[in-house]
Amino acid sequence: MNPLMDVSALEKRLAAGRRTVLLDVRWALGDPHGHDHYLQGHLPGAVFVDLAAELADPAAPERGRHPLPTPGALQEAARRWGITRGAVVVAYDDSANMAAARAWWMLRNAGVREVYLLDGGLAAWRAAGLPIEQGEVRASPGDVTLADGQMPVLGAADVTGWLEAGLLASGPASERILLDARAGERYRGDIEPVDPRAGHIPGAVSAPTTANVDGAGRFLPPAELRRRFESLGITDDSRVGVYCGSGVTAAHQVAALELAGFRAALYPGSFSEWSSNANLPVVTGPEPGGGGPAEWKHGEAEE
């Protein structure tokens, strides 16, 4: 299923009065003012979604910085956003859908069939000269019933199993491919602004999420995305996992992989969970395996 809806298609839906739930997921690492940005201007009728409070449980070292909420908590939030049975949902943000993808993935995982990302987000809407409104939107309560487990998921134990079985590697012959969606400097361990240890999971391949989009924040064409992921060693037979810092931008990678024709599992705890566990290895440098198992680093992880 195509995870995207373009501005033209959304404008036509809204103009025709077709029921559409718009979710504004304004969030970025280091910027706690998403709601303020929303109040200053959003798509007409869009409801603000608080990523930290509604798309995540409180941070915990053993679960990461943005643990997935319980299905019940998500259902309560979804009804508050106005999602009804059979509703068409369109999520967006103002950062190339890097945050909105979290809502897309969670609702897909919860069984919402028609949930899309607005390709290009708020910037594309503005660029088309379409109206913006200010202030808070309070939706009429919805009645959606959500499930769980509709999208593939990895846990730390799954990734550890891949490592111990020697199945996690890079290149065309890999049986398992684990993509690290963070910026290259965080993957290499040059910097680490928020998580306990710097570096990446041994065997993970660097695949920054920002390379999924063009300069305007729109997803690259499917054929171009497919070439990108094939160059990283992914084939139709690969089992693909994706992680980032806390399971947010990794959802964007899952959407890009879906556009390219690949199905991928999300590791929700991501590196914030992994690096908090001193028993799990971390490597640094530009290569997936660092210097090999002998150089895999364990140690005390600071809170």
Protein backbone atom coordinates (compact mmCIF):
# COMPACT_ATOMS: atom_id res chain seq x y z
CA MET A 1 0.00 0.00 0.00
CA ASN A 2 1.32 3.43 -0.93
CA PRO A 3 2.08 5.26 2.33
CA LEU A 4 1.86 8.69 0.67
CA MET A 5 -0.83 11.17 -0.33
CA ASP A 6 0.22 14.21 -2.32
CA VAL A 7 -1.01 17.75 -1.78
CA SER A 8 -3.24 17.72 -4.86
CA ALA A 9 -5.05 14.55 -3.77
CA LEU A 10 -5.56 15.88 -0.26
CA GLU A 11 -6.84 19.23 -1.51
CA LYS A 12 -9.39 17.45 -3.70
CA ARG A 13 -10.55 15.27 -0.81
CA LEU A 14 -11.05 18.25 1.45
CA ALA A 15 -12.74 20.32 -1.26
CA ALA A 16 -15.18 17.48 -1.87
CA GLY A 17 -16.00 17.29 1.83
CA ARG A 18 -14.71 13.74 2.14
CA ARG A 19 -14.09 12.82 5.76
CA THR A 20 -10.37 13.09 6.45
CA VAL A 21 -8.60 13.23 9.80
CA LEU A 22 -5.54 15.47 9.64
CA LEU A 23 -2.80 14.97 12.22
CA ASP A 24 -0.12 17.61 12.75
CA VAL A 25 2.87 15.85 14.33
CA ARG A 26 5.21 18.81 14.79
CA TRP A 27 8.28 17.49 16.65
CA ALA A 28 12.04 17.56 16.24
CA LEU A 29 14.92 16.43 18.44
CA GLY A 30 15.98 19.39 20.57
CA ASP A 31 12.87 21.46 19.78
CA PRO A 32 10.19 21.22 22.50
CA HIS A 33 7.96 23.87 20.90
CA GLY A 34 6.01 21.76 18.42
CA HIS A 35 2.65 22.83 19.80
CA ASP A 36 3.59 26.49 19.57
CA HIS A 37 4.57 26.01 15.92
CA TYR A 38 1.25 24.28 15.31
CA LEU A 39 -0.73 27.13 16.85
CA GLN A 40 1.03 29.61 14.58
CA GLY A 41 -0.12 27.82 11.45
CA HIS A 42 -1.41 24.41 10.36
CA LEU A 43 -3.59 22.76 7.75
CA PRO A 44 -7.27 23.68 8.18
CA GLY A 45 -8.88 21.27 10.60
CA ALA A 46 -5.66 19.54 11.62
CA VAL A 47 -5.40 18.25 15.19
CA PHE A 48 -2.09 18.52 17.02
CA VAL A 49 -0.46 15.26 18.03
CA ASP A 50 2.04 15.43 20.86
CA LEU A 51 4.70 12.89 19.91
CA ALA A 52 6.38 12.73 23.31
CA ALA A 53 3.12 12.46 25.27
CA GLU A 54 0.77 10.62 22.89
CA LEU A 55 3.01 8.55 20.62
CA ALA A 56 5.33 7.36 23.38
CA ASP A 57 5.43 6.20 26.96
CA PRO A 58 7.84 7.94 29.35
CA ALA A 59 11.50 7.25 28.64
CA ALA A 60 13.11 4.28 30.41
CA PRO A 61 16.64 2.93 29.90
CA GLU A 62 15.37 -0.59 29.30
CA ARG A 63 12.89 0.60 26.65
CA GLY A 64 14.53 3.67 25.12
CA ARG A 65 13.70 7.37 24.90
CA HIS A 66 10.34 6.93 23.15
CA PRO A 67 8.86 3.55 24.09
CA LEU A 68 5.72 2.57 22.24
CA PRO A 69 2.57 3.26 24.29
CA THR A 70 0.12 0.51 25.11
CA PRO A 71 -2.57 -0.24 22.51
CA GLY A 72 -5.16 1.08 24.94
CA ALA A 73 -3.37 4.40 25.36
CA LEU A 74 -3.00 4.78 21.60
CA GLN A 75 -6.69 4.00 21.07
CA GLU A 76 -7.66 6.65 23.62
CA ALA A 77 -5.45 9.20 21.86
CA ALA A 78 -6.72 8.23 18.41
CA ARG A 79 -10.31 8.75 19.52
CA ARG A 80 -9.30 12.11 20.95
CA TRP A 81 -7.88 13.04 17.55
CA GLY A 82 -11.26 12.24 16.01
CA ILE A 83 -10.43 8.99 14.25
CA THR A 84 -13.53 6.98 13.50
CA ARG A 85 -14.01 3.47 12.11
CA GLY A 86 -12.96 3.41 8.47
CA ALA A 87 -11.54 6.94 8.58
CA VAL A 88 -8.90 8.16 6.14
CA VAL A 89 -6.03 9.63 8.16
CA VAL A 90 -3.30 11.93 6.82
CA ALA A 91 -0.34 12.83 9.02
CA TYR A 92 2.24 15.51 8.35
CA ASP A 93 4.87 17.70 9.98
CA ASP A 94 7.27 20.45 8.96
CA SER A 95 10.40 18.28 8.82
CA ALA A 96 10.00 16.07 5.73
CA ASN A 97 7.69 13.70 7.66
CA MET A 98 10.51 12.53 9.93
CA ALA A 99 8.17 12.84 12.94
CA ALA A 100 4.82 12.23 11.24
CA ALA A 101 6.05 8.82 10.12
CA ARG A 102 5.88 7.73 13.76
CA ALA A 103 2.10 8.31 13.76
CA TRP A 104 1.79 6.64 10.34
CA TRP A 105 3.63 3.52 11.51
CA MET A 106 1.80 3.28 14.83
CA LEU A 107 -1.63 3.59 13.25
CA ARG A 108 -0.73 1.07 10.55
CA ASN A 109 0.53 -1.27 13.27
CA ALA A 110 -2.75 -0.73 15.10
CA GLY A 111 -4.81 -1.78 12.09
CA VAL A 112 -5.85 1.54 10.53
CA ARG A 113 -6.00 0.65 6.85
CA GLU A 114 -6.01 4.08 5.26
CA VAL A 115 -3.35 6.19 6.89
CA TYR A 116 -1.00 8.28 4.80
CA LEU A 117 1.86 10.75 5.03
CA LEU A 118 1.32 14.05 3.26
CA ASP A 119 4.24 13.99 0.85
CA GLY A 120 6.35 17.07 1.48
CA GLY A 121 4.38 17.92 4.63
CA LEU A 122 3.44 21.45 5.59
CA ALA A 123 6.10 22.91 3.30
CA ALA A 124 4.48 21.33 0.24
CA TRP A 125 1.05 22.60 1.30
CA ARG A 126 2.41 26.12 1.70
CA ALA A 127 4.29 25.92 -1.60
CA ALA A 128 1.02 25.13 -3.35
CA GLY A 129 -0.44 28.38 -1.99
CA LEU A 130 -3.11 26.58 0.01
CA PRO A 131 -4.71 28.07 3.13
CA ILE A 132 -3.26 27.80 6.62
CA GLU A 133 -5.18 28.40 9.83
CA GLN A 134 -4.07 29.28 13.33
CA GLY A 135 -5.19 28.20 16.78
CA GLU A 136 -6.26 24.95 18.38
CA VAL A 137 -8.57 22.43 16.72
CA ARG A 138 -10.61 20.18 18.99
CA ALA A 139 -11.94 17.18 17.11
CA SER A 140 -15.24 15.47 17.79
CA PRO A 141 -14.42 12.23 19.64
CA GLY A 142 -13.87 9.23 17.42
CA ASP A 143 -14.90 5.63 17.91
CA VAL A 144 -12.06 3.71 16.28
CA THR A 145 -11.09 0.35 17.75
CA LEU A 146 -7.39 -0.39 17.44
CA ALA A 147 -5.50 -3.64 17.50
CA ASP A 148 -1.76 -4.31 17.61
CA GLY A 149 0.93 -6.24 15.80
CA GLN A 150 0.01 -5.44 12.20
CA MET A 151 3.57 -4.36 11.31
CA PRO A 152 6.78 -6.34 11.84
CA VAL A 153 8.77 -5.42 14.94
CA LEU A 154 12.23 -6.29 16.30
CA GLY A 155 13.36 -6.26 19.90
CA ALA A 156 16.87 -6.18 21.32
CA ALA A 157 16.69 -9.94 21.80
CA ASP A 158 15.94 -10.45 18.10
CA VAL A 159 18.91 -8.32 17.06
CA THR A 160 21.14 -10.11 19.58
CA GLY A 161 20.00 -13.42 18.12
CA TRP A 162 20.96 -12.29 14.64
CA LEU A 163 24.41 -11.29 15.93
CA GLU A 164 25.00 -14.52 17.82
CA ALA A 165 23.88 -16.63 14.86
CA GLY A 166 26.18 -14.72 12.50
CA LEU A 167 23.25 -13.71 10.33
CA LEU A 168 23.74 -9.96 10.58
CA ALA A 169 26.17 -8.57 8.05
CA SER A 170 26.37 -6.15 5.14
CA GLY A 171 26.53 -6.70 1.43
CA PRO A 172 24.49 -8.63 -1.16
CA ALA A 173 25.04 -12.00 0.52
CA SER A 174 23.48 -10.96 3.81
CA GLU A 175 20.64 -12.98 5.22
CA ARG A 176 19.70 -10.13 7.54
CA ILE A 177 20.22 -6.41 7.00
CA LEU A 178 19.95 -3.94 9.87
CA LEU A 179 19.80 -0.30 8.78
CA ASP A 180 20.83 2.56 11.05
CA ALA A 181 18.68 5.54 10.06
CA ARG A 182 20.60 8.16 12.07
CA ALA A 183 22.97 10.77 10.66
CA GLY A 184 26.34 9.43 9.60
CA GLU A 185 28.25 11.21 12.37
CA ARG A 186 26.14 9.50 15.02
CA TYR A 187 26.51 6.12 13.32
CA ARG A 188 30.30 6.52 13.26
CA GLY A 189 30.33 7.67 16.86
CA ASP A 190 31.86 11.06 16.04
CA ILE A 191 29.19 12.63 18.25
CA GLU A 192 26.36 11.42 20.45
CA PRO A 193 24.13 14.20 21.77
CA VAL A 194 21.56 12.21 23.73
CA ASP A 195 22.23 8.50 24.12
CA PRO A 196 24.53 6.79 26.66
CA ARG A 197 27.19 5.48 24.26
CA ALA A 198 28.39 6.60 20.85
CA GLY A 199 28.55 4.37 17.80
CA HIS A 200 26.23 1.77 16.28
CA ILE A 201 25.03 -1.80 16.65
CA PRO A 202 27.64 -4.20 15.24
CA GLY A 203 26.78 -5.19 11.69
CA ALA A 204 24.34 -2.33 11.12
CA VAL A 205 24.61 -0.46 7.82
CA SER A 206 24.53 3.33 7.78
CA ALA A 207 21.46 4.57 5.90
CA PRO A 208 20.57 8.12 7.00
CA THR A 209 16.87 8.84 6.73
CA THR A 210 17.55 12.23 5.17
CA ALA A 211 18.64 10.46 1.97
CA ASN A 212 15.05 9.26 1.46
CA VAL A 213 13.84 12.72 0.44
CA ASP A 214 14.70 15.48 -2.01
CA GLY A 215 15.54 19.08 -1.21
CA ALA A 216 11.87 19.94 -0.81
CA GLY A 217 11.28 17.17 1.72
CA ARG A 218 9.37 14.89 -0.68
CA PHE A 219 10.12 11.20 -0.87
CA LEU A 220 12.31 10.18 -3.78
CA PRO A 221 10.60 8.20 -6.58
CA PRO A 222 10.15 4.50 -5.76
CA ALA A 223 12.66 3.36 -8.40
CA GLU A 224 15.31 5.71 -6.99
CA LEU A 225 14.63 4.54 -3.45
CA ARG A 226 14.89 0.94 -4.59
CA ARG A 227 18.29 1.59 -6.15
CA ARG A 228 19.40 3.22 -2.92
CA PHE A 229 18.44 0.26 -0.76
CA GLU A 230 19.78 -2.30 -3.22
CA SER A 231 23.14 -0.49 -3.07
CA LEU A 232 23.09 -1.16 0.69
CA GLY A 233 22.79 -4.90 0.09
CA ILE A 234 19.01 -5.35 0.29
CA THR A 235 17.37 -7.87 -2.03
CA ASP A 236 13.84 -9.24 -2.26
CA ASP A 237 14.99 -12.16 -0.10
CA SER A 238 16.52 -10.01 2.67
CA ARG A 239 15.00 -9.73 6.12
CA VAL A 240 15.34 -6.05 6.93
CA GLY A 241 15.33 -4.31 10.31
CA VAL A 242 15.56 -0.58 10.94
CA TYR A 243 16.54 1.46 13.98
CA CYS A 244 17.41 5.08 14.75
CA GLY A 245 17.91 6.88 18.05
CA SER A 246 14.53 6.25 19.61
CA GLY A 247 12.27 4.64 17.00
CA VAL A 248 10.96 7.87 15.44
CA THR A 249 12.83 8.51 12.20
CA ALA A 250 13.26 4.76 11.71
CA ALA A 251 9.53 4.70 10.91
CA HIS A 252 10.31 7.07 8.01
CA GLN A 253 12.81 4.49 6.77
CA VAL A 254 10.15 1.79 6.95
CA ALA A 255 7.88 3.97 4.78
CA ALA A 256 10.67 4.59 2.27
CA LEU A 257 11.43 0.87 2.11
CA GLU A 258 7.75 0.17 1.52
CA LEU A 259 7.75 2.63 -1.37
CA ALA A 260 10.77 0.79 -2.76
CA GLY A 261 8.98 -2.55 -2.53
CA PHE A 262 10.66 -3.90 0.60
CA ARG A 263 9.04 -4.86 3.90
CA ALA A 264 10.99 -3.94 7.01
CA ALA A 265 10.72 -4.47 10.75
CA LEU A 266 11.05 -1.54 13.15
CA TYR A 267 13.20 -1.78 16.28
CA PRO A 268 11.16 0.60 18.51
CA GLY A 269 13.70 0.84 21.33
CA SER A 270 16.45 1.60 18.83
CA PHE A 271 19.90 2.80 19.85
CA SER A 272 18.66 4.58 22.98
CA GLU A 273 17.57 1.20 24.36
CA TRP A 274 20.54 -0.75 23.00
CA SER A 275 23.22 1.65 24.22
CA SER A 276 21.67 1.77 27.71
CA ASN A 277 22.37 -1.93 28.19
CA ALA A 278 26.04 -2.39 29.11
CA ASN A 279 25.83 -6.06 28.12
CA LEU A 280 25.18 -5.20 24.47
CA PRO A 281 28.07 -4.36 22.16
CA VAL A 282 28.59 -1.07 20.32
CA VAL A 283 31.15 -0.29 17.63
CA THR A 284 32.41 2.97 16.18
CA GLY A 285 33.73 4.00 12.78
CA PRO A 286 32.35 3.91 9.23
CA GLU A 287 32.23 0.12 8.82
CA PRO A 288 29.25 -2.03 9.93
CA GLY A 289 31.37 -4.37 12.06
CA GLY A 290 33.93 -1.91 13.28
CA GLY A 291 37.13 -3.92 13.68
CA GLY A 292 35.28 -7.19 14.25
CA PRO A 293 34.00 -8.92 17.43
CA ALA A 294 37.31 -8.39 19.23
CA GLU A 295 36.66 -4.65 19.16
CA TRP A 296 33.00 -4.71 20.14
CA LYS A 297 32.69 -2.46 23.15
CA HIS A 298 30.75 -3.29 26.28
CA GLY A 299 30.78 -1.27 29.45
CA GLU A 300 28.86 0.76 31.94
CA ALA A 301 26.14 2.77 30.21
CA GLU A 302 25.47 6.10 31.83
CA GLU A 303 21.94 7.26 32.44
